[in-house]
Amino acid sequence: MSQQITDRASDPPETLKITVHSESGASTYVFPQTITLTNSVYQVTWHRGALAPGARLQIRFLSRNEDGPFLSLESYEQLPGEVNGYGNRGPGDTLKEYDYEVRILQKGKTAKKIGDGHLVNNAKKIVLDPRGNGTDPPFDPPEYG
């Protein structure tokens, strides 16, 4: 991943960003970018501003498992421009590589594809969901300042 962002405020709001959260910190990249998961990556966030009212961001993995390698792939009504992948199901229950589509869903309309992405799963073990005990979802969505 070579297109790391240093000043997020300078990007146009329609820029799609990917933040990879790991034990060593968080790194943000401009889409498209191949995402590489390792044992230390516990969350991936896709974020796009400037959505029309009622629209929301969607990540659609092109595999039989709609969550890709993640224990959970979620978006929240309060944050329509954001999708989060939590944890990792590990090498025994996932593919080595995934292709995915980034789409914008309009309320009452079909989805508009805005890009394609690629993810490589190099995790050698199950990575637990960072929000709670194992795979349990939180009671409330995350808060952002």
N, C-alpha and C. Protein backbone atom coordinates (compact mmCIF):
# COMPACT_ATOMS: atom_id res chain seq x y z
N MET A 1 0.84 -1.17 0.00
CA MET A 1 0.00 0.00 0.00
C MET A 1 0.89 1.23 0.00
N SER A 2 0.97 1.89 -1.11
CA SER A 2 1.91 2.98 -1.22
C SER A 2 1.27 4.36 -1.19
N GLN A 3 -0.02 4.49 -1.34
CA GLN A 3 -0.66 5.79 -1.38
C GLN A 3 -1.20 6.19 -0.02
N GLN A 4 -0.33 6.27 0.96
CA GLN A 4 -0.76 6.62 2.31
C GLN A 4 -1.08 8.10 2.40
N ILE A 5 -2.15 8.44 3.09
CA ILE A 5 -2.60 9.81 3.26
C ILE A 5 -1.93 10.41 4.49
N THR A 6 -1.45 11.62 4.37
CA THR A 6 -0.90 12.29 5.54
C THR A 6 -1.81 13.42 6.00
N ASP A 7 -2.55 14.05 5.08
CA ASP A 7 -3.45 15.15 5.44
C ASP A 7 -4.84 14.86 4.91
N ARG A 8 -5.69 14.24 5.73
CA ARG A 8 -7.02 13.81 5.30
C ARG A 8 -7.91 14.99 4.93
N ALA A 9 -7.71 16.17 5.54
CA ALA A 9 -8.57 17.32 5.28
C ALA A 9 -8.40 17.86 3.86
N SER A 10 -7.29 17.58 3.21
CA SER A 10 -7.05 18.10 1.87
C SER A 10 -7.73 17.30 0.78
N ASP A 11 -8.26 16.13 1.08
CA ASP A 11 -8.91 15.29 0.08
C ASP A 11 -10.33 15.77 -0.19
N PRO A 12 -10.76 15.71 -1.47
CA PRO A 12 -12.17 16.03 -1.75
C PRO A 12 -13.09 15.08 -1.00
N PRO A 13 -14.29 15.53 -0.62
CA PRO A 13 -15.18 14.67 0.17
C PRO A 13 -15.62 13.40 -0.56
N GLU A 14 -15.56 13.40 -1.89
CA GLU A 14 -15.98 12.19 -2.62
C GLU A 14 -14.87 11.15 -2.73
N THR A 15 -13.70 11.43 -2.15
CA THR A 15 -12.58 10.48 -2.14
C THR A 15 -12.92 9.31 -1.22
N LEU A 16 -12.75 8.10 -1.72
CA LEU A 16 -12.95 6.91 -0.89
C LEU A 16 -11.63 6.60 -0.20
N LYS A 17 -11.67 6.46 1.13
CA LYS A 17 -10.48 6.19 1.92
C LYS A 17 -10.64 4.84 2.62
N ILE A 18 -9.52 4.17 2.81
CA ILE A 18 -9.49 2.90 3.51
C ILE A 18 -8.54 3.07 4.70
N THR A 19 -9.02 2.77 5.90
CA THR A 19 -8.17 2.81 7.08
C THR A 19 -8.00 1.39 7.59
N VAL A 20 -6.74 0.98 7.73
CA VAL A 20 -6.41 -0.35 8.24
C VAL A 20 -5.96 -0.16 9.69
N HIS A 21 -6.70 -0.74 10.62
CA HIS A 21 -6.40 -0.64 12.06
C HIS A 21 -5.67 -1.91 12.48
N SER A 22 -4.48 -1.73 13.07
CA SER A 22 -3.71 -2.89 13.52
C SER A 22 -3.12 -2.60 14.89
N GLU A 23 -2.45 -3.59 15.44
CA GLU A 23 -1.84 -3.44 16.76
C GLU A 23 -0.78 -2.35 16.76
N SER A 24 -0.21 -2.04 15.61
CA SER A 24 0.83 -1.01 15.54
C SER A 24 0.27 0.38 15.21
N GLY A 25 -1.04 0.52 15.10
CA GLY A 25 -1.66 1.82 14.81
C GLY A 25 -2.57 1.74 13.60
N ALA A 26 -3.01 2.90 13.12
CA ALA A 26 -3.91 2.96 11.97
C ALA A 26 -3.23 3.69 10.83
N SER A 27 -3.45 3.18 9.61
CA SER A 27 -2.92 3.80 8.40
C SER A 27 -4.07 4.01 7.43
N THR A 28 -4.13 5.19 6.80
CA THR A 28 -5.20 5.50 5.87
C THR A 28 -4.65 5.62 4.46
N TYR A 29 -5.37 5.06 3.50
CA TYR A 29 -4.95 5.01 2.11
C TYR A 29 -6.08 5.50 1.21
N VAL A 30 -5.72 5.97 0.02
CA VAL A 30 -6.71 6.36 -0.98
C VAL A 30 -7.06 5.13 -1.80
N PHE A 31 -8.35 4.92 -2.03
CA PHE A 31 -8.83 3.82 -2.86
C PHE A 31 -8.55 4.15 -4.32
N PRO A 32 -8.24 3.24 -5.23
CA PRO A 32 -8.16 1.81 -4.97
C PRO A 32 -6.79 1.43 -4.43
N GLN A 33 -6.79 0.47 -3.60
CA GLN A 33 -5.56 0.00 -2.99
C GLN A 33 -5.78 -1.44 -2.57
N THR A 34 -4.79 -2.31 -2.79
CA THR A 34 -4.91 -3.68 -2.32
C THR A 34 -4.75 -3.66 -0.81
N ILE A 35 -5.68 -4.26 -0.12
CA ILE A 35 -5.64 -4.35 1.34
C ILE A 35 -5.01 -5.70 1.69
N THR A 36 -4.03 -5.69 2.58
CA THR A 36 -3.41 -6.93 3.03
C THR A 36 -3.71 -7.09 4.51
N LEU A 37 -4.37 -8.20 4.85
CA LEU A 37 -4.68 -8.52 6.24
C LEU A 37 -3.59 -9.41 6.80
N THR A 38 -3.20 -9.15 8.04
CA THR A 38 -2.23 -9.97 8.76
C THR A 38 -2.82 -10.31 10.13
N ASN A 39 -2.06 -11.02 10.95
CA ASN A 39 -2.52 -11.36 12.30
C ASN A 39 -2.75 -10.13 13.16
N SER A 40 -2.10 -9.01 12.85
CA SER A 40 -2.23 -7.82 13.69
C SER A 40 -3.37 -6.89 13.25
N VAL A 41 -3.96 -7.13 12.07
CA VAL A 41 -5.06 -6.27 11.59
C VAL A 41 -6.37 -6.76 12.19
N TYR A 42 -7.05 -5.86 12.93
CA TYR A 42 -8.31 -6.24 13.58
C TYR A 42 -9.51 -5.49 13.03
N GLN A 43 -9.31 -4.47 12.19
CA GLN A 43 -10.43 -3.71 11.63
C GLN A 43 -9.99 -3.01 10.36
N VAL A 44 -10.89 -2.98 9.37
CA VAL A 44 -10.69 -2.19 8.15
C VAL A 44 -11.93 -1.31 7.98
N THR A 45 -11.70 -0.02 7.70
CA THR A 45 -12.79 0.93 7.53
C THR A 45 -12.71 1.54 6.14
N TRP A 46 -13.83 1.51 5.41
CA TRP A 46 -13.97 2.23 4.16
C TRP A 46 -14.81 3.45 4.46
N HIS A 47 -14.40 4.63 3.97
CA HIS A 47 -15.12 5.86 4.27
C HIS A 47 -15.18 6.75 3.03
N ARG A 48 -16.38 7.28 2.77
CA ARG A 48 -16.57 8.24 1.68
C ARG A 48 -17.54 9.30 2.15
N GLY A 49 -17.16 10.55 2.01
CA GLY A 49 -18.04 11.67 2.33
C GLY A 49 -18.89 12.03 1.13
N ALA A 50 -19.61 13.11 1.22
CA ALA A 50 -20.40 13.67 0.11
C ALA A 50 -21.40 12.69 -0.49
N LEU A 51 -22.15 12.00 0.35
CA LEU A 51 -23.22 11.13 -0.15
C LEU A 51 -24.52 11.91 -0.18
N ALA A 52 -25.37 11.59 -1.16
CA ALA A 52 -26.68 12.22 -1.25
C ALA A 52 -27.53 11.79 -0.05
N PRO A 53 -28.50 12.61 0.36
CA PRO A 53 -29.38 12.22 1.47
C PRO A 53 -30.05 10.87 1.19
N GLY A 54 -30.01 10.00 2.17
CA GLY A 54 -30.62 8.68 2.04
C GLY A 54 -29.72 7.63 1.41
N ALA A 55 -28.56 8.02 0.90
CA ALA A 55 -27.64 7.06 0.29
C ALA A 55 -26.72 6.49 1.35
N ARG A 56 -26.13 5.32 1.04
CA ARG A 56 -25.15 4.75 1.96
C ARG A 56 -24.12 3.95 1.18
N LEU A 57 -22.94 3.83 1.75
CA LEU A 57 -21.84 3.10 1.16
C LEU A 57 -22.03 1.60 1.40
N GLN A 58 -21.65 0.79 0.43
CA GLN A 58 -21.74 -0.66 0.57
C GLN A 58 -20.46 -1.29 0.01
N ILE A 59 -19.95 -2.28 0.73
CA ILE A 59 -18.84 -3.11 0.25
C ILE A 59 -19.44 -4.48 -0.03
N ARG A 60 -19.28 -4.96 -1.26
CA ARG A 60 -19.86 -6.23 -1.67
C ARG A 60 -18.75 -7.17 -2.14
N PHE A 61 -18.47 -8.20 -1.32
CA PHE A 61 -17.45 -9.18 -1.68
C PHE A 61 -18.02 -10.13 -2.74
N LEU A 62 -17.22 -10.44 -3.75
CA LEU A 62 -17.65 -11.28 -4.86
C LEU A 62 -17.28 -12.73 -4.58
N SER A 63 -17.81 -13.24 -3.48
CA SER A 63 -17.56 -14.62 -3.07
C SER A 63 -18.84 -15.14 -2.41
N ARG A 64 -18.82 -16.40 -2.05
CA ARG A 64 -20.02 -16.96 -1.43
C ARG A 64 -20.27 -16.40 -0.03
N ASN A 65 -19.24 -15.87 0.62
CA ASN A 65 -19.42 -15.27 1.93
C ASN A 65 -19.46 -13.76 1.79
N GLU A 66 -20.60 -13.16 2.05
CA GLU A 66 -20.77 -11.72 1.84
C GLU A 66 -19.95 -10.85 2.78
N ASP A 67 -19.42 -11.42 3.86
CA ASP A 67 -18.56 -10.67 4.78
C ASP A 67 -17.08 -10.79 4.43
N GLY A 68 -16.76 -11.48 3.33
CA GLY A 68 -15.36 -11.70 2.98
C GLY A 68 -14.66 -12.45 4.10
N PRO A 69 -13.44 -12.07 4.47
CA PRO A 69 -12.73 -12.77 5.53
C PRO A 69 -13.09 -12.29 6.94
N PHE A 70 -13.92 -11.25 7.01
CA PHE A 70 -14.20 -10.63 8.31
C PHE A 70 -15.22 -11.43 9.11
N LEU A 71 -15.11 -11.34 10.44
CA LEU A 71 -16.12 -11.92 11.32
C LEU A 71 -17.43 -11.17 11.14
N SER A 72 -17.32 -9.87 10.88
CA SER A 72 -18.51 -9.03 10.71
C SER A 72 -18.18 -7.88 9.77
N LEU A 73 -19.08 -7.59 8.82
CA LEU A 73 -18.95 -6.45 7.92
C LEU A 73 -20.21 -5.62 8.13
N GLU A 74 -20.05 -4.40 8.66
CA GLU A 74 -21.21 -3.63 9.10
C GLU A 74 -21.15 -2.16 8.69
N SER A 75 -22.32 -1.60 8.55
CA SER A 75 -22.46 -0.14 8.41
C SER A 75 -23.56 0.28 9.37
N TYR A 76 -23.55 1.56 9.73
CA TYR A 76 -24.51 2.06 10.69
C TYR A 76 -25.30 3.20 10.07
N GLU A 77 -26.57 3.28 10.40
CA GLU A 77 -27.44 4.32 9.85
C GLU A 77 -26.91 5.72 10.15
N GLN A 78 -26.30 5.88 11.32
CA GLN A 78 -25.78 7.19 11.73
C GLN A 78 -24.54 7.59 10.91
N LEU A 79 -23.86 6.62 10.30
CA LEU A 79 -22.64 6.87 9.51
C LEU A 79 -22.80 6.23 8.13
N PRO A 80 -23.65 6.77 7.26
CA PRO A 80 -23.96 6.11 6.00
C PRO A 80 -22.79 6.03 5.03
N GLY A 81 -21.77 6.83 5.20
CA GLY A 81 -20.62 6.82 4.32
C GLY A 81 -19.49 5.94 4.80
N GLU A 82 -19.78 5.03 5.74
CA GLU A 82 -18.72 4.22 6.33
C GLU A 82 -19.15 2.76 6.44
N VAL A 83 -18.21 1.85 6.14
CA VAL A 83 -18.40 0.41 6.32
C VAL A 83 -17.17 -0.10 7.06
N ASN A 84 -17.39 -0.98 8.05
CA ASN A 84 -16.31 -1.53 8.86
C ASN A 84 -16.29 -3.05 8.78
N GLY A 85 -15.11 -3.60 8.57
CA GLY A 85 -14.89 -5.03 8.65
C GLY A 85 -14.14 -5.31 9.94
N TYR A 86 -14.68 -6.20 10.78
CA TYR A 86 -14.10 -6.47 12.10
C TYR A 86 -13.58 -7.90 12.17
N GLY A 87 -12.39 -8.07 12.76
CA GLY A 87 -11.83 -9.40 12.99
C GLY A 87 -11.44 -10.10 11.70
N ASN A 88 -11.14 -11.40 11.83
CA ASN A 88 -10.77 -12.22 10.68
C ASN A 88 -11.09 -13.67 11.04
N ARG A 89 -11.79 -14.36 10.13
CA ARG A 89 -12.19 -15.74 10.40
C ARG A 89 -11.03 -16.73 10.31
N GLY A 90 -9.87 -16.27 9.86
CA GLY A 90 -8.69 -17.13 9.84
C GLY A 90 -8.56 -17.94 8.57
N PRO A 91 -7.40 -18.57 8.37
CA PRO A 91 -7.11 -19.26 7.11
C PRO A 91 -7.94 -20.51 6.86
N GLY A 92 -8.44 -21.14 7.89
CA GLY A 92 -9.23 -22.36 7.70
C GLY A 92 -10.63 -22.11 7.18
N ASP A 93 -11.11 -20.87 7.26
CA ASP A 93 -12.49 -20.58 6.91
C ASP A 93 -12.62 -19.43 5.90
N THR A 94 -11.52 -19.07 5.25
CA THR A 94 -11.56 -17.96 4.30
C THR A 94 -10.73 -18.28 3.07
N LEU A 95 -10.95 -17.50 2.03
CA LEU A 95 -10.12 -17.58 0.83
C LEU A 95 -8.83 -16.81 1.06
N LYS A 96 -7.85 -17.02 0.23
CA LYS A 96 -6.58 -16.30 0.32
C LYS A 96 -6.71 -14.88 -0.25
N GLU A 97 -7.54 -14.71 -1.28
CA GLU A 97 -7.73 -13.41 -1.91
C GLU A 97 -9.20 -13.18 -2.22
N TYR A 98 -9.61 -11.92 -2.16
CA TYR A 98 -10.99 -11.53 -2.43
C TYR A 98 -11.01 -10.32 -3.37
N ASP A 99 -11.96 -10.32 -4.27
CA ASP A 99 -12.28 -9.12 -5.03
C ASP A 99 -13.58 -8.58 -4.44
N TYR A 100 -13.73 -7.26 -4.46
CA TYR A 100 -14.96 -6.67 -3.95
C TYR A 100 -15.34 -5.44 -4.75
N GLU A 101 -16.61 -5.08 -4.66
CA GLU A 101 -17.12 -3.87 -5.30
C GLU A 101 -17.45 -2.85 -4.22
N VAL A 102 -17.23 -1.60 -4.54
CA VAL A 102 -17.65 -0.50 -3.69
C VAL A 102 -18.86 0.11 -4.39
N ARG A 103 -19.96 0.22 -3.67
CA ARG A 103 -21.20 0.70 -4.27
C ARG A 103 -21.84 1.77 -3.39
N ILE A 104 -22.64 2.59 -4.01
CA ILE A 104 -23.46 3.54 -3.28
C ILE A 104 -24.91 3.12 -3.51
N LEU A 105 -25.61 2.83 -2.42
CA LEU A 105 -27.01 2.45 -2.48
C LEU A 105 -27.86 3.69 -2.27
N GLN A 106 -28.73 3.96 -3.23
CA GLN A 106 -29.68 5.06 -3.11
C GLN A 106 -30.98 4.51 -2.54
N LYS A 107 -31.60 5.25 -1.68
CA LYS A 107 -32.85 4.81 -1.07
C LYS A 107 -33.91 4.60 -2.16
N GLY A 108 -34.44 3.38 -2.25
CA GLY A 108 -35.48 3.07 -3.23
C GLY A 108 -34.97 2.89 -4.65
N LYS A 109 -33.65 2.89 -4.85
CA LYS A 109 -33.07 2.72 -6.18
C LYS A 109 -32.04 1.61 -6.15
N THR A 110 -31.51 1.30 -7.32
CA THR A 110 -30.46 0.30 -7.39
C THR A 110 -29.12 0.89 -6.97
N ALA A 111 -28.17 0.01 -6.80
CA ALA A 111 -26.84 0.43 -6.37
C ALA A 111 -26.02 0.91 -7.56
N LYS A 112 -25.18 1.91 -7.30
CA LYS A 112 -24.26 2.43 -8.32
C LYS A 112 -22.85 2.01 -7.92
N LYS A 113 -22.22 1.22 -8.77
CA LYS A 113 -20.85 0.78 -8.51
C LYS A 113 -19.90 1.94 -8.76
N ILE A 114 -19.01 2.21 -7.77
CA ILE A 114 -18.06 3.30 -7.93
C ILE A 114 -16.61 2.81 -7.99
N GLY A 115 -16.41 1.51 -7.85
CA GLY A 115 -15.05 0.99 -7.95
C GLY A 115 -14.94 -0.47 -7.58
N ASP A 116 -13.78 -1.04 -7.89
CA ASP A 116 -13.44 -2.42 -7.56
C ASP A 116 -12.23 -2.42 -6.66
N GLY A 117 -12.19 -3.37 -5.74
CA GLY A 117 -11.05 -3.48 -4.84
C GLY A 117 -10.56 -4.91 -4.74
N HIS A 118 -9.41 -5.07 -4.10
CA HIS A 118 -8.81 -6.38 -3.93
C HIS A 118 -8.26 -6.49 -2.51
N LEU A 119 -8.43 -7.65 -1.90
CA LEU A 119 -7.98 -7.89 -0.53
C LEU A 119 -7.21 -9.20 -0.50
N VAL A 120 -6.06 -9.20 0.15
CA VAL A 120 -5.25 -10.41 0.34
C VAL A 120 -5.28 -10.75 1.82
N ASN A 121 -5.64 -11.99 2.13
CA ASN A 121 -5.72 -12.40 3.53
C ASN A 121 -4.49 -13.23 3.90
N ASN A 122 -3.53 -12.59 4.56
CA ASN A 122 -2.32 -13.28 5.00
C ASN A 122 -2.37 -13.65 6.48
N ALA A 123 -3.52 -13.54 7.11
CA ALA A 123 -3.64 -13.90 8.53
C ALA A 123 -3.45 -15.41 8.68
N LYS A 124 -2.71 -15.79 9.69
CA LYS A 124 -2.42 -17.21 9.96
C LYS A 124 -3.23 -17.75 11.12
N LYS A 125 -4.11 -16.90 11.67
CA LYS A 125 -4.94 -17.32 12.80
C LYS A 125 -6.23 -16.49 12.78
N ILE A 126 -7.17 -16.88 13.62
CA ILE A 126 -8.40 -16.11 13.79
C ILE A 126 -8.06 -14.83 14.56
N VAL A 127 -8.57 -13.70 14.09
CA VAL A 127 -8.39 -12.42 14.78
C VAL A 127 -9.75 -12.03 15.34
N LEU A 128 -9.85 -11.89 16.64
CA LEU A 128 -11.14 -11.62 17.29
C LEU A 128 -11.65 -10.23 16.99
N ASP A 129 -12.95 -10.08 17.07
CA ASP A 129 -13.61 -8.79 16.89
C ASP A 129 -13.16 -7.86 18.02
N PRO A 130 -12.63 -6.67 17.70
CA PRO A 130 -12.08 -5.81 18.75
C PRO A 130 -13.11 -5.12 19.63
N ARG A 131 -14.39 -5.23 19.27
CA ARG A 131 -15.43 -4.48 19.99
C ARG A 131 -15.94 -5.19 21.21
N GLY A 132 -15.63 -6.44 21.38
CA GLY A 132 -16.20 -7.15 22.52
C GLY A 132 -15.59 -8.53 22.66
N ASN A 133 -16.35 -9.43 23.20
CA ASN A 133 -15.88 -10.80 23.42
C ASN A 133 -16.02 -11.60 22.14
N GLY A 134 -14.91 -11.84 21.48
CA GLY A 134 -14.93 -12.68 20.29
C GLY A 134 -15.68 -12.05 19.15
N THR A 135 -16.81 -12.65 18.78
CA THR A 135 -17.57 -12.19 17.63
C THR A 135 -18.82 -11.41 18.03
N ASP A 136 -19.01 -11.12 19.33
CA ASP A 136 -20.21 -10.41 19.75
C ASP A 136 -20.21 -8.97 19.25
N PRO A 137 -21.31 -8.52 18.61
CA PRO A 137 -21.35 -7.13 18.18
C PRO A 137 -21.57 -6.20 19.37
N PRO A 138 -21.20 -4.93 19.23
CA PRO A 138 -21.40 -3.98 20.34
C PRO A 138 -22.86 -3.61 20.45
N PHE A 139 -23.22 -3.01 21.56
CA PHE A 139 -24.60 -2.54 21.74
C PHE A 139 -24.84 -1.26 20.97
N ASP A 140 -23.82 -0.43 20.81
CA ASP A 140 -23.95 0.85 20.12
C ASP A 140 -22.88 0.95 19.04
N PRO A 141 -23.15 1.72 17.96
CA PRO A 141 -22.12 1.92 16.96
C PRO A 141 -20.96 2.73 17.53
N PRO A 142 -19.79 2.66 16.89
CA PRO A 142 -18.65 3.42 17.42
C PRO A 142 -18.92 4.92 17.33
N GLU A 143 -18.29 5.66 18.23
CA GLU A 143 -18.44 7.12 18.23
C GLU A 143 -17.20 7.75 17.63
N TYR A 144 -17.41 8.75 16.81
CA TYR A 144 -16.31 9.46 16.16
C TYR A 144 -16.37 10.93 16.55
N GLY A 145 -15.21 11.49 16.85
CA GLY A 145 -15.13 12.86 17.34
C GLY A 145 -15.14 13.90 16.30
